[in-house]
C-alpha atoms as a PDB file:
ATOM      1  CA  MET A   1       0.050  -0.356  -0.088  1.00  0.00           C
ATOM      2  CA  ASN A   2       2.817   2.506   1.039  1.00  0.00           C
ATOM      3  CA  TYR A   3       4.294   1.764  -2.606  1.00  0.00           C
ATOM      4  CA  LEU A   4       1.031   2.425  -4.549  1.00  0.00           C
ATOM      5  CA  LYS A   5       0.765   5.965  -2.564  1.00  0.00           C
ATOM      6  CA  TYR A   6       4.247   6.901  -3.642  1.00  0.00           C
ATOM      7  CA  LEU A   7       3.441   5.797  -6.918  1.00  0.00           C
ATOM      8  CA  LEU A   8       0.275   7.994  -7.103  1.00  0.00           C
ATOM      9  CA  LEU A   9       2.052  10.871  -5.120  1.00  0.00           C
ATOM     10  CA  SER A  10       4.865  10.701  -8.156  1.00  0.00           C
ATOM     11  CA  THR A  11       2.505  10.269 -11.046  1.00  0.00           C
ATOM     12  CA  LEU A  12       0.152  13.497  -9.152  1.00  0.00           C
ATOM     13  CA  LEU A  13       3.438  15.549  -9.086  1.00  0.00           C
ATOM     14  CA  VAL A  14       5.113  14.833 -12.733  1.00  0.00           C
ATOM     15  CA  VAL A  15       1.716  15.876 -14.219  1.00  0.00           C
ATOM     16  CA  ILE A  16       1.759  18.735 -12.222  1.00  0.00           C
ATOM     17  CA  SER A  17       5.108  20.036 -13.059  1.00  0.00           C
ATOM     18  CA  ASN A  18       4.527  19.099 -16.638  1.00  0.00           C
ATOM     19  CA  THR A  19       1.573  21.179 -16.875  1.00  0.00           C
ATOM     20  CA  SER A  20       3.365  23.936 -15.162  1.00  0.00           C
ATOM     21  CA  TYR A  21       5.835  23.778 -17.554  1.00  0.00           C
ATOM     22  CA  ALA A  22       3.489  23.423 -20.573  1.00  0.00           C
ATOM     23  CA  GLN A  23       1.531  26.307 -19.022  1.00  0.00           C
ATOM     24  CA  ASP A  24       5.066  28.415 -19.105  1.00  0.00           C
ATOM     25  CA  ALA A  25       6.083  27.499 -22.292  1.00  0.00           C
ATOM     26  CA  ARG A  26       2.918  29.088 -23.496  1.00  0.00           C
ATOM     27  CA  ILE A  27       2.774  31.662 -22.261  1.00  0.00           C
ATOM     28  CA  ALA A  28       6.320  32.073 -23.402  1.00  0.00           C
ATOM     29  CA  THR A  29       5.530  31.389 -26.966  1.00  0.00           C
ATOM     30  CA  ASP A  30       2.590  33.769 -26.739  1.00  0.00           C
ATOM     31  CA  SER A  31       4.609  36.493 -25.508  1.00  0.00           C
ATOM     32  CA  THR A  32       7.458  35.933 -28.234  1.00  0.00           C
ATOM     33  CA  THR A  33       4.574  36.131 -30.825  1.00  0.00           C
ATOM     34  CA  THR A  34       2.677  39.750 -29.100  1.00  0.00           C
ATOM     35  CA  GLU A  35       6.207  41.073 -28.961  1.00  0.00           C
ATOM     36  CA  ASN A  36       7.421  39.810 -32.926  1.00  0.00           C
ATOM     37  CA  THR A  37       4.289  41.405 -33.486  1.00  0.00           C
ATOM     38  CA  LEU A  38       4.635  44.744 -31.652  1.00  0.00           C
ATOM     39  CA  ASN A  39       8.084  45.011 -33.145  1.00  0.00           C
ATOM     40  CA  GLN A  40       6.922  44.805 -36.665  1.00  0.00           C
ATOM     41  CA  SER A  41       4.048  47.074 -36.068  1.00  0.00           C
ATOM     42  CA  ASP A  42       6.805  50.107 -34.623  1.00  0.00           C
ATOM     43  CA  SER A  43       9.124  48.878 -37.687  1.00  0.00           C
ATOM     44  CA  ARG A  44       6.169  49.738 -40.057  1.00  0.00           C
ATOM     45  CA  LYS A  45       5.483  53.168 -38.517  1.00  0.00           C
ATOM     46  CA  LYS A  46       9.218  53.877 -39.599  1.00  0.00           C
ATOM     47  CA  MET A  47       8.539  53.630 -43.197  1.00  0.00           C
ATOM     48  CA  THR A  48       8.098  56.666 -45.413  1.00  0.00           C
ATOM     49  CA  THR A  49       5.390  57.183 -47.120  1.00  0.00           C
ATOM     50  CA  TRP A  50       6.353  55.362 -50.649  1.00  0.00           C
ATOM     51  CA  GLN A  51       7.336  52.367 -48.769  1.00  0.00           C
ATOM     52  CA  THR A  52       4.392  52.162 -47.031  1.00  0.00           C
ATOM     53  CA  ILE A  53       2.523  52.143 -50.014  1.00  0.00           C
ATOM     54  CA  LYS A  54       4.727  48.813 -52.050  1.00  0.00           C
ATOM     55  CA  TYR A  55       3.975  47.244 -48.771  1.00  0.00           C
ATOM     56  CA  ASP A  56       0.562  47.600 -48.768  1.00  0.00           C
ATOM     57  CA  GLY A  57       0.725  47.050 -52.845  1.00  0.00           C
ATOM     58  CA  ALA A  58       2.468  44.057 -51.870  1.00  0.00           C
ATOM     59  CA  SER A  59      -0.727  42.872 -49.332  1.00  0.00           C
ATOM     60  CA  ILE A  60      -3.349  43.613 -52.309  1.00  0.00           C
ATOM     61  CA  TYR A  61      -1.467  41.247 -54.358  1.00  0.00           C
ATOM     62  CA  GLY A  62      -1.206  38.655 -52.004  1.00  0.00           C
ATOM     63  CA  GLY A  63      -4.964  38.984 -51.252  1.00  0.00           C
ATOM     64  CA  VAL A  64      -5.616  38.649 -54.933  1.00  0.00           C
ATOM     65  CA  LYS A  65      -3.329  36.052 -55.559  1.00  0.00           C
ATOM     66  CA  ASN A  66      -4.708  34.228 -52.412  1.00  0.00           C
ATOM     67  CA  ALA A  67      -8.269  35.185 -53.621  1.00  0.00           C
ATOM     68  CA  TYR A  68      -7.840  32.780 -57.128  1.00  0.00           C
ATOM     69  CA  THR A  69      -5.666  29.737 -55.020  1.00  0.00           C
ATOM     70  CA  GLN A  70      -7.981  29.327 -51.744  1.00  0.00           C
ATOM     71  CA  PRO A  71      -9.769  26.594 -53.148  1.00  0.00           C
ATOM     72  CA  PHE A  72      -6.812  24.379 -54.054  1.00  0.00           C
ATOM     73  CA  ARG A  73      -7.052  24.584 -50.105  1.00  0.00           C
ATOM     74  CA  TRP A  74     -10.300  23.582 -49.331  1.00  0.00           C
ATOM     75  CA  LYS A  75     -11.261  20.995 -46.966  1.00  0.00           C
ATOM     76  CA  GLY A  76     -14.178  18.840 -46.306  1.00  0.00           C
ATOM     77  CA  LYS A  77     -16.084  21.940 -44.526  1.00  0.00           C
ATOM     78  CA  ASN A  78     -15.533  24.280 -47.362  1.00  0.00           C
ATOM     79  CA  TRP A  79     -16.758  21.951 -50.137  1.00  0.00           C
ATOM     80  CA  LEU A  80     -19.769  20.795 -48.222  1.00  0.00           C
ATOM     81  CA  THR A  81     -20.680  24.518 -48.290  1.00  0.00           C
ATOM     82  CA  PHE A  82     -19.726  24.835 -52.172  1.00  0.00           C
ATOM     83  CA  GLY A  83     -22.087  21.985 -52.561  1.00  0.00           C
ATOM     84  CA  SER A  84     -24.716  23.431 -50.280  1.00  0.00           C
ATOM     85  CA  ILE A  85     -24.606  26.791 -52.490  1.00  0.00           C
ATOM     86  CA  MET A  86     -24.476  24.827 -55.837  1.00  0.00           C
ATOM     87  CA  ALA A  87     -27.674  22.473 -54.260  1.00  0.00           C
ATOM     88  CA  GLY A  88     -29.178  25.695 -53.486  1.00  0.00           C
ATOM     89  CA  THR A  89     -28.697  27.615 -56.883  1.00  0.00           C
ATOM     90  CA  ALA A  90     -30.223  24.638 -58.656  1.00  0.00           C
ATOM     91  CA  ILE A  91     -33.317  25.111 -56.907  1.00  0.00           C
ATOM     92  CA  LEU A  92     -33.353  28.865 -57.616  1.00  0.00           C
ATOM     93  CA  LEU A  93     -32.719  28.000 -61.520  1.00  0.00           C
ATOM     94  CA  THR A  94     -36.480  26.715 -61.550  1.00  0.00           C
ATOM     95  CA  VAL A  95     -37.717  30.417 -60.365  1.00  0.00           C
ATOM     96  CA  ASP A  96     -35.581  32.696 -62.057  1.00  0.00           C
ATOM     97  CA  GLU A  97     -38.000  33.308 -64.607  1.00  0.00           C
ATOM     98  CA  PRO A  98     -40.733  33.860 -62.411  1.00  0.00           C
ATOM     99  CA  THR A  99     -38.465  36.164 -60.370  1.00  0.00           C
ATOM    100  CA  SER A 100     -37.656  38.007 -63.086  1.00  0.00           C
ATOM    101  CA  GLU A 101     -40.628  39.172 -64.667  1.00  0.00           C
ATOM    102  CA  TYR A 102     -42.196  40.025 -61.141  1.00  0.00           C
ATOM    103  CA  PHE A 103     -39.278  42.422 -60.522  1.00  0.00           C
ATOM    104  CA  ALA A 104     -39.993  43.663 -63.984  1.00  0.00           C
ATOM    105  CA  ASP A 105     -43.515  44.168 -63.411  1.00  0.00           C
ATOM    106  CA  ARG A 106     -42.435  46.720 -60.526  1.00  0.00           C
ATOM    107  CA  ALA A 107     -39.944  48.611 -62.185  1.00  0.00           C
ATOM    108  CA  ASP A 108     -42.169  51.933 -62.758  1.00  0.00           C
ATOM    109  CA  ASP A 109     -42.888  51.806 -59.125  1.00  0.00           C
ATOM    110  CA  ILE A 110     -39.335  52.473 -57.689  1.00  0.00           C
ATOM    111  CA  PRO A 111     -38.415  55.840 -57.133  1.00  0.00           C
ATOM    112  CA  GLN A 112     -35.634  57.290 -60.126  1.00  0.00           C
ATOM    113  CA  PHE A 113     -33.345  58.174 -57.899  1.00  0.00           C
ATOM    114  CA  VAL A 114     -33.426  54.824 -56.510  1.00  0.00           C
ATOM    115  CA  ARG A 115     -32.800  53.334 -59.096  1.00  0.00           C
ATOM    116  CA  GLN A 116     -30.379  55.476 -60.563  1.00  0.00           C
ATOM    117  CA  ALA A 117     -28.368  55.218 -57.381  1.00  0.00           C
ATOM    118  CA  SER A 118     -28.277  51.081 -57.299  1.00  0.00           C
ATOM    119  CA  PHE A 119     -26.841  51.560 -60.956  1.00  0.00           C
ATOM    120  CA  ARG A 120     -24.191  53.852 -59.964  1.00  0.00           C
ATOM    121  CA  PHE A 121     -23.335  51.931 -56.861  1.00  0.00           C
ATOM    122  CA  GLY A 122     -22.059  49.247 -58.849  1.00  0.00           C
ATOM    123  CA  LYS A 123     -20.115  51.009 -61.256  1.00  0.00           C
ATOM    124  CA  PRO A 124     -16.429  50.096 -61.322  1.00  0.00           C
ATOM    125  CA  LEU A 125     -15.416  53.823 -61.687  1.00  0.00           C
ATOM    126  CA  PHE A 126     -17.615  54.592 -58.848  1.00  0.00           C
ATOM    127  CA  ASN A 127     -16.148  51.164 -56.854  1.00  0.00           C
ATOM    128  CA  TYR A 128     -12.841  52.300 -56.979  1.00  0.00           C
ATOM    129  CA  GLY A 129     -13.374  55.554 -56.031  1.00  0.00           C
ATOM    130  CA  LEU A 130     -14.818  54.681 -53.178  1.00  0.00           C
ATOM    131  CA  THR A 131     -12.328  51.866 -52.225  1.00  0.00           C
ATOM    132  CA  THR A 132      -8.983  54.105 -53.104  1.00  0.00           C
ATOM    133  CA  SER A 133     -10.610  56.823 -51.226  1.00  0.00           C
ATOM    134  CA  VAL A 134     -10.654  54.713 -48.032  1.00  0.00           C
ATOM    135  CA  TYR A 135      -7.325  53.730 -48.546  1.00  0.00           C
ATOM    136  CA  ALA A 136      -5.988  57.270 -49.210  1.00  0.00           C
ATOM    137  CA  LEU A 137      -7.628  58.071 -45.867  1.00  0.00           C
ATOM    138  CA  GLY A 138      -5.467  55.813 -44.014  1.00  0.00           C
ATOM    139  CA  LEU A 139      -2.189  56.587 -45.691  1.00  0.00           C
ATOM    140  CA  ILE A 140      -2.705  60.272 -44.854  1.00  0.00           C
ATOM    141  CA  THR A 141      -3.951  59.513 -41.674  1.00  0.00           C
ATOM    142  CA  LYS A 142      -1.601  57.245 -40.620  1.00  0.00           C
ATOM    143  CA  ASN A 143      -4.401  54.804 -39.294  1.00  0.00           C
ATOM    144  CA  GLU A 144      -3.772  51.274 -39.874  1.00  0.00           C
ATOM    145  CA  LYS A 145      -7.081  49.955 -39.105  1.00  0.00           C
ATOM    146  CA  ILE A 146      -7.929  52.226 -41.972  1.00  0.00           C
ATOM    147  CA  ARG A 147      -5.173  51.322 -44.363  1.00  0.00           C
ATOM    148  CA  LYS A 148      -6.391  47.412 -43.989  1.00  0.00           C
ATOM    149  CA  THR A 149     -10.113  48.161 -44.708  1.00  0.00           C
ATOM    150  CA  GLY A 150      -8.853  50.183 -48.040  1.00  0.00           C
ATOM    151  CA  VAL A 151      -5.947  47.140 -48.720  1.00  0.00           C
ATOM    152  CA  LEU A 152      -9.167  44.343 -48.243  1.00  0.00           C
ATOM    153  CA  LEU A 153     -11.448  46.647 -50.560  1.00  0.00           C
ATOM    154  CA  ILE A 154      -8.878  47.018 -53.401  1.00  0.00           C
ATOM    155  CA  ALA A 155      -7.713  43.442 -53.359  1.00  0.00           C
ATOM    156  CA  SER A 156     -11.480  41.963 -53.183  1.00  0.00           C
ATOM    157  CA  ALA A 157     -12.699  44.403 -55.807  1.00  0.00           C
ATOM    158  CA  THR A 158      -9.738  43.526 -58.234  1.00  0.00           C
ATOM    159  CA  ALA A 159     -10.293  39.736 -57.678  1.00  0.00           C
ATOM    160  CA  GLY A 160     -13.713  39.787 -58.161  1.00  0.00           C
ATOM    161  CA  GLY A 161     -13.777  42.562 -60.795  1.00  0.00           C
ATOM    162  CA  LEU A 162     -11.085  40.471 -63.244  1.00  0.00           C
ATOM    163  CA  LEU A 163     -12.935  37.236 -62.170  1.00  0.00           C
ATOM    164  CA  GLN A 164     -16.285  38.335 -63.896  1.00  0.00           C
ATOM    165  CA  THR A 165     -14.967  40.187 -66.473  1.00  0.00           C
ATOM    166  CA  VAL A 166     -13.256  37.206 -67.585  1.00  0.00           C
ATOM    167  CA  SER A 167     -16.185  34.778 -66.754  1.00  0.00           C
ATOM    168  CA  LYS A 168     -18.962  37.073 -68.939  1.00  0.00           C
ATOM    169  CA  THR A 169     -17.109  35.420 -72.002  1.00  0.00           C
ATOM    170  CA  LEU A 170     -16.781  32.383 -71.286  1.00  0.00           C
ATOM    171  CA  VAL A 171     -19.939  31.627 -69.375  1.00  0.00           C
ATOM    172  CA  GLY A 172     -22.417  33.508 -72.280  1.00  0.00           C
ATOM    173  CA  ARG A 173     -25.244  33.607 -70.196  1.00  0.00           C
ATOM    174  CA  ALA A 174     -28.526  35.166 -71.634  1.00  0.00           C
ATOM    175  CA  ARG A 175     -29.470  37.876 -70.289  1.00  0.00           C
ATOM    176  CA  PRO A 176     -33.697  38.064 -69.486  1.00  0.00           C
ATOM    177  CA  LEU A 177     -34.166  40.958 -71.610  1.00  0.00           C
ATOM    178  CA  THR A 178     -33.219  39.069 -74.521  1.00  0.00           C
ATOM    179  CA  ASP A 179     -36.616  36.631 -74.038  1.00  0.00           C
ATOM    180  CA  LYS A 180     -34.600  32.970 -74.582  1.00  0.00           C
ATOM    181  CA  GLY A 181     -34.891  31.887 -71.381  1.00  0.00           C
ATOM    182  CA  ASN A 182     -32.662  31.149 -67.998  1.00  0.00           C
ATOM    183  CA  LEU A 183     -30.858  28.199 -69.674  1.00  0.00           C
ATOM    184  CA  HIS A 184     -29.414  29.721 -73.051  1.00  0.00           C
ATOM    185  CA  PHE A 185     -25.874  30.418 -73.127  1.00  0.00           C
ATOM    186  CA  LYS A 186     -23.523  31.569 -76.151  1.00  0.00           C
ATOM    187  CA  PHE A 187     -20.225  30.603 -74.988  1.00  0.00           C
ATOM    188  CA  TYR A 188     -17.319  32.462 -75.652  1.00  0.00           C
ATOM    189  CA  SER A 189     -19.488  35.217 -76.570  1.00  0.00           C
ATOM    190  CA  GLY A 190     -16.582  38.322 -76.553  1.00  0.00           C
ATOM    191  CA  GLY A 191     -18.177  41.475 -76.768  1.00  0.00           C
ATOM    192  CA  ASP A 192     -21.876  41.000 -77.198  1.00  0.00           C
ATOM    193  CA  ALA A 193     -23.334  42.290 -73.930  1.00  0.00           C
ATOM    194  CA  ALA A 194     -26.612  40.809 -74.604  1.00  0.00           C
ATOM    195  CA  PHE A 195     -25.114  37.104 -73.146  1.00  0.00           C
ATOM    196  CA  HIS A 196     -23.103  38.880 -70.300  1.00  0.00           C
ATOM    197  CA  SER A 197     -25.488  37.632 -67.819  1.00  0.00           C
ATOM    198  CA  PHE A 198     -23.508  35.689 -65.564  1.00  0.00           C
ATOM    199  CA  PRO A 199     -21.849  36.981 -63.157  1.00  0.00           C
ATOM    200  CA  SER A 200     -23.280  40.290 -62.143  1.00  0.00           C
ATOM    201  CA  GLY A 201     -20.451  42.805 -62.084  1.00  0.00           C
ATOM    202  CA  HIS A 202     -22.933  45.241 -59.940  1.00  0.00           C
ATOM    203  CA  ALA A 203     -23.368  42.854 -57.408  1.00  0.00           C
ATOM    204  CA  ILE A 204     -19.985  41.227 -57.188  1.00  0.00           C
ATOM    205  CA  LEU A 205     -18.520  45.485 -56.724  1.00  0.00           C
ATOM    206  CA  SER A 206     -21.370  46.307 -54.532  1.00  0.00           C
ATOM    207  CA  ILE A 207     -21.771  43.261 -51.939  1.00  0.00           C
ATOM    208  CA  THR A 208     -17.902  43.341 -51.968  1.00  0.00           C
ATOM    209  CA  THR A 209     -17.829  46.802 -50.705  1.00  0.00           C
ATOM    210  CA  ALA A 210     -20.965  47.143 -48.607  1.00  0.00           C
ATOM    211  CA  TYR A 211     -19.242  43.711 -46.779  1.00  0.00           C
ATOM    212  CA  ALA A 212     -15.724  44.798 -46.306  1.00  0.00           C
ATOM    213  CA  ILE A 213     -16.847  47.870 -45.052  1.00  0.00           C
ATOM    214  CA  GLY A 214     -19.512  46.074 -42.480  1.00  0.00           C
ATOM    215  CA  LYS A 215     -17.329  43.714 -41.276  1.00  0.00           C
ATOM    216  CA  GLN A 216     -15.186  46.525 -39.685  1.00  0.00           C
ATOM    217  CA  PHE A 217     -18.609  47.410 -37.612  1.00  0.00           C
ATOM    218  CA  LYS A 218     -19.616  45.374 -34.508  1.00  0.00           C
ATOM    219  CA  ASN A 219     -23.135  47.508 -34.161  1.00  0.00           C
ATOM    220  CA  PRO A 220     -25.977  44.722 -36.150  1.00  0.00           C
ATOM    221  CA  PHE A 221     -27.529  48.054 -37.025  1.00  0.00           C
ATOM    222  CA  ILE A 222     -24.802  49.475 -38.389  1.00  0.00           C
ATOM    223  CA  LYS A 223     -23.657  46.256 -40.270  1.00  0.00           C
ATOM    224  CA  GLY A 224     -27.551  45.554 -41.423  1.00  0.00           C
ATOM    225  CA  GLY A 225     -27.464  49.145 -42.957  1.00  0.00           C
ATOM    226  CA  ILE A 226     -24.565  48.657 -44.949  1.00  0.00           C
ATOM    227  CA  TYR A 227     -25.253  45.455 -45.839  1.00  0.00           C
ATOM    228  CA  ALA A 228     -28.948  46.548 -46.899  1.00  0.00           C
ATOM    229  CA  LEU A 229     -27.186  49.882 -48.874  1.00  0.00           C
ATOM    230  CA  GLY A 230     -25.066  46.942 -50.501  1.00  0.00           C
ATOM    231  CA  MET A 231     -28.050  44.809 -51.782  1.00  0.00           C
ATOM    232  CA  LEU A 232     -29.671  47.829 -53.426  1.00  0.00           C
ATOM    233  CA  SER A 233     -27.474  47.458 -56.691  1.00  0.00           C
ATOM    234  CA  PRO A 234     -27.792  43.688 -57.361  1.00  0.00           C
ATOM    235  CA  VAL A 235     -31.698  44.216 -56.543  1.00  0.00           C
ATOM    236  CA  SER A 236     -32.215  46.897 -59.221  1.00  0.00           C
ATOM    237  CA  ARG A 237     -30.567  44.874 -61.863  1.00  0.00           C
ATOM    238  CA  LEU A 238     -33.456  42.460 -61.305  1.00  0.00           C
ATOM    239  CA  TRP A 239     -35.920  45.075 -61.920  1.00  0.00           C
ATOM    240  CA  GLU A 240     -33.430  46.336 -65.038  1.00  0.00           C
ATOM    241  CA  GLU A 241     -33.844  42.665 -66.797  1.00  0.00           C
ATOM    242  CA  ALA A 242     -30.357  42.549 -66.833  1.00  0.00           C
ATOM    243  CA  HIS A 243     -29.842  39.455 -64.531  1.00  0.00           C
ATOM    244  CA  TRP A 244     -31.251  36.405 -63.292  1.00  0.00           C
ATOM    245  CA  LEU A 245     -31.936  35.638 -59.712  1.00  0.00           C
ATOM    246  CA  THR A 246     -29.498  33.200 -59.635  1.00  0.00           C
ATOM    247  CA  ASP A 247     -26.900  35.338 -61.154  1.00  0.00           C
ATOM    248  CA  VAL A 248     -27.180  37.582 -57.807  1.00  0.00           C
ATOM    249  CA  VAL A 249     -27.266  34.865 -55.557  1.00  0.00           C
ATOM    250  CA  LEU A 250     -24.334  33.451 -57.150  1.00  0.00           C
ATOM    251  CA  SER A 251     -22.304  37.018 -57.228  1.00  0.00           C
ATOM    252  CA  THR A 252     -23.312  37.427 -54.105  1.00  0.00           C
ATOM    253  CA  ALA A 253     -21.607  34.364 -52.539  1.00  0.00           C
ATOM    254  CA  LEU A 254     -18.847  34.464 -54.594  1.00  0.00           C
ATOM    255  CA  SER A 255     -18.169  38.077 -53.110  1.00  0.00           C
ATOM    256  CA  ILE A 256     -18.345  37.227 -49.789  1.00  0.00           C
ATOM    257  CA  ALA A 257     -16.298  34.304 -50.196  1.00  0.00           C
ATOM    258  CA  ILE A 258     -13.264  36.549 -51.679  1.00  0.00           C
ATOM    259  CA  VAL A 259     -13.527  39.258 -48.941  1.00  0.00           C
ATOM    260  CA  ASP A 260     -13.607  36.584 -45.877  1.00  0.00           C
ATOM    261  CA  GLY A 261     -10.344  34.690 -47.922  1.00  0.00           C
ATOM    262  CA  VAL A 262      -8.239  37.990 -48.218  1.00  0.00           C
ATOM    263  CA  GLU A 263      -9.226  38.894 -44.860  1.00  0.00           C
ATOM    264  CA  LYS A 264      -7.691  35.511 -43.178  1.00  0.00           C
ATOM    265  CA  TYR A 265      -4.880  35.961 -45.460  1.00  0.00           C
ATOM    266  CA  LEU A 266      -4.157  39.610 -43.880  1.00  0.00           C
ATOM    267  CA  GLU A 267      -4.972  37.884 -40.816  1.00  0.00           C
ATOM    268  CA  LYS A 268      -2.710  34.655 -41.316  1.00  0.00           C
ATOM    269  CA  LYS A 269       0.402  37.222 -42.679  1.00  0.00           C
ATOM    270  CA  GLU A 270       0.177  39.397 -39.659  1.00  0.00           C
ATOM    271  CA  ARG A 271       0.605  42.171 -42.319  1.00  0.00           C
ATOM    272  CA  TYR A 272      -1.413  44.430 -40.154  1.00  0.00           C
ATOM    273  CA  ALA A 273      -1.359  44.417 -36.384  1.00  0.00           C
ATOM    274  CA  TYR A 274      -3.397  47.992 -35.164  1.00  0.00           C
ATOM    275  CA  LYS A 275      -5.009  46.262 -31.833  1.00  0.00           C
ATOM    276  CA  ASP A 276      -2.816  45.342 -28.975  1.00  0.00           C
ATOM    277  CA  ARG A 277      -3.319  41.519 -27.114  1.00  0.00           C
ATOM    278  CA  LYS A 278      -4.845  41.971 -24.042  1.00  0.00           C
ATOM    279  CA  HIS A 279      -2.619  39.926 -21.534  1.00  0.00           C
ATOM    280  CA  LYS A 280      -4.901  37.864 -19.357  1.00  0.00           C
ATOM    281  CA  ILE A 281      -3.646  36.421 -15.334  1.00  0.00           C
ATOM    282  CA  ASN A 282      -2.538  32.855 -15.993  1.00  0.00           C
ATOM    283  CA  TRP A 283      -2.413  30.936 -12.586  1.00  0.00           C
ATOM    284  CA  ASN A 284       0.441  28.234 -12.219  1.00  0.00           C
ATOM    285  CA  LEU A 285       0.532  25.599  -9.147  1.00  0.00           C
ATOM    286  CA  ARG A 286       4.277  25.689  -8.098  1.00  0.00           C
ATOM    287  CA  LEU A 287       6.076  23.067  -6.406  1.00  0.00           C
ATOM    288  CA  GLY A 288       9.371  23.143  -4.789  1.00  0.00           C
ATOM    289  CA  ALA A 289      11.576  21.748  -1.938  1.00  0.00           C
ATOM    290  CA  GLY A 290      10.049  22.408   0.966  1.00  0.00           C
ATOM    291  CA  GLN A 291       7.162  25.189  -0.667  1.00  0.00           C
ATOM    292  CA  ILE A 292       4.001  25.026  -2.399  1.00  0.00           C
ATOM    293  CA  GLY A 293       2.214  28.008  -4.033  1.00  0.00           C
ATOM    294  CA  VAL A 294       0.525  29.390  -6.692  1.00  0.00           C
ATOM    295  CA  VAL A 295       1.640  32.184  -9.188  1.00  0.00           C
ATOM    296  CA  GLY A 296       0.026  34.529 -11.489  1.00  0.00           C
ATOM    297  CA  GLN A 297       2.056  35.505 -14.633  1.00  0.00           C
ATOM    298  CA  PHE A 298       0.621  38.577 -16.406  1.00  0.00           C
END
């Protein structure tokens, strides 16, 4: 029995000492990571304006590259989400034509200024004017959070914009106003705008902008307001018979995936660190020769 007691006591001491060591190692690692991040942030603050622009340009390039390559890194959950979106789109194909008629019949009821504003919000000229203005504001004020938001906007809009430009020509889907039906395609349609229905450029640019900006706010009402504003342009394309419902839905899903992917890339690479990590107190049990106690480490 005495042997068993000593064995249990020895085992307990080993477990406690290993746990304490592991906690100390984790704390040391966290401290080192935080210190490195802060050192990198301090070094970035010393960069000239031109160095900052080059640094942000590299971030934009990396974000666009990541957006195009992220499907190669998808795992089971990602493919399940992709399959669900495709399945949902297949179901929506059955209501493409009825919804197109529904929105077209109500186009005259929409105030003209709303239709004009919705159309312009999804135009590349307005979109890039807005995104570059956000970035320029962050650059001038030396606000890293605003700069990061500008980088996120530019990278996401560039990735989505290039993708939709190429896809329109390759897919060659007929627009509703052609009266050819939602399953009529003219592949490699070239400059024939009547067959550039998928994806919706207005939807991609407006959703990308609204989603990227909305993510910067925690207040659900502000988020909701920004997202609702972003949805005006996609819905307006239904009024104008420029796109089918499935065009808008898939373009929205694509925009969200691109923005999330670019943001995760920027966070993973620690390209921007504008918020210091708050340290918590870690309590460790200390055992030593003739002493036992609890130590709090900050």
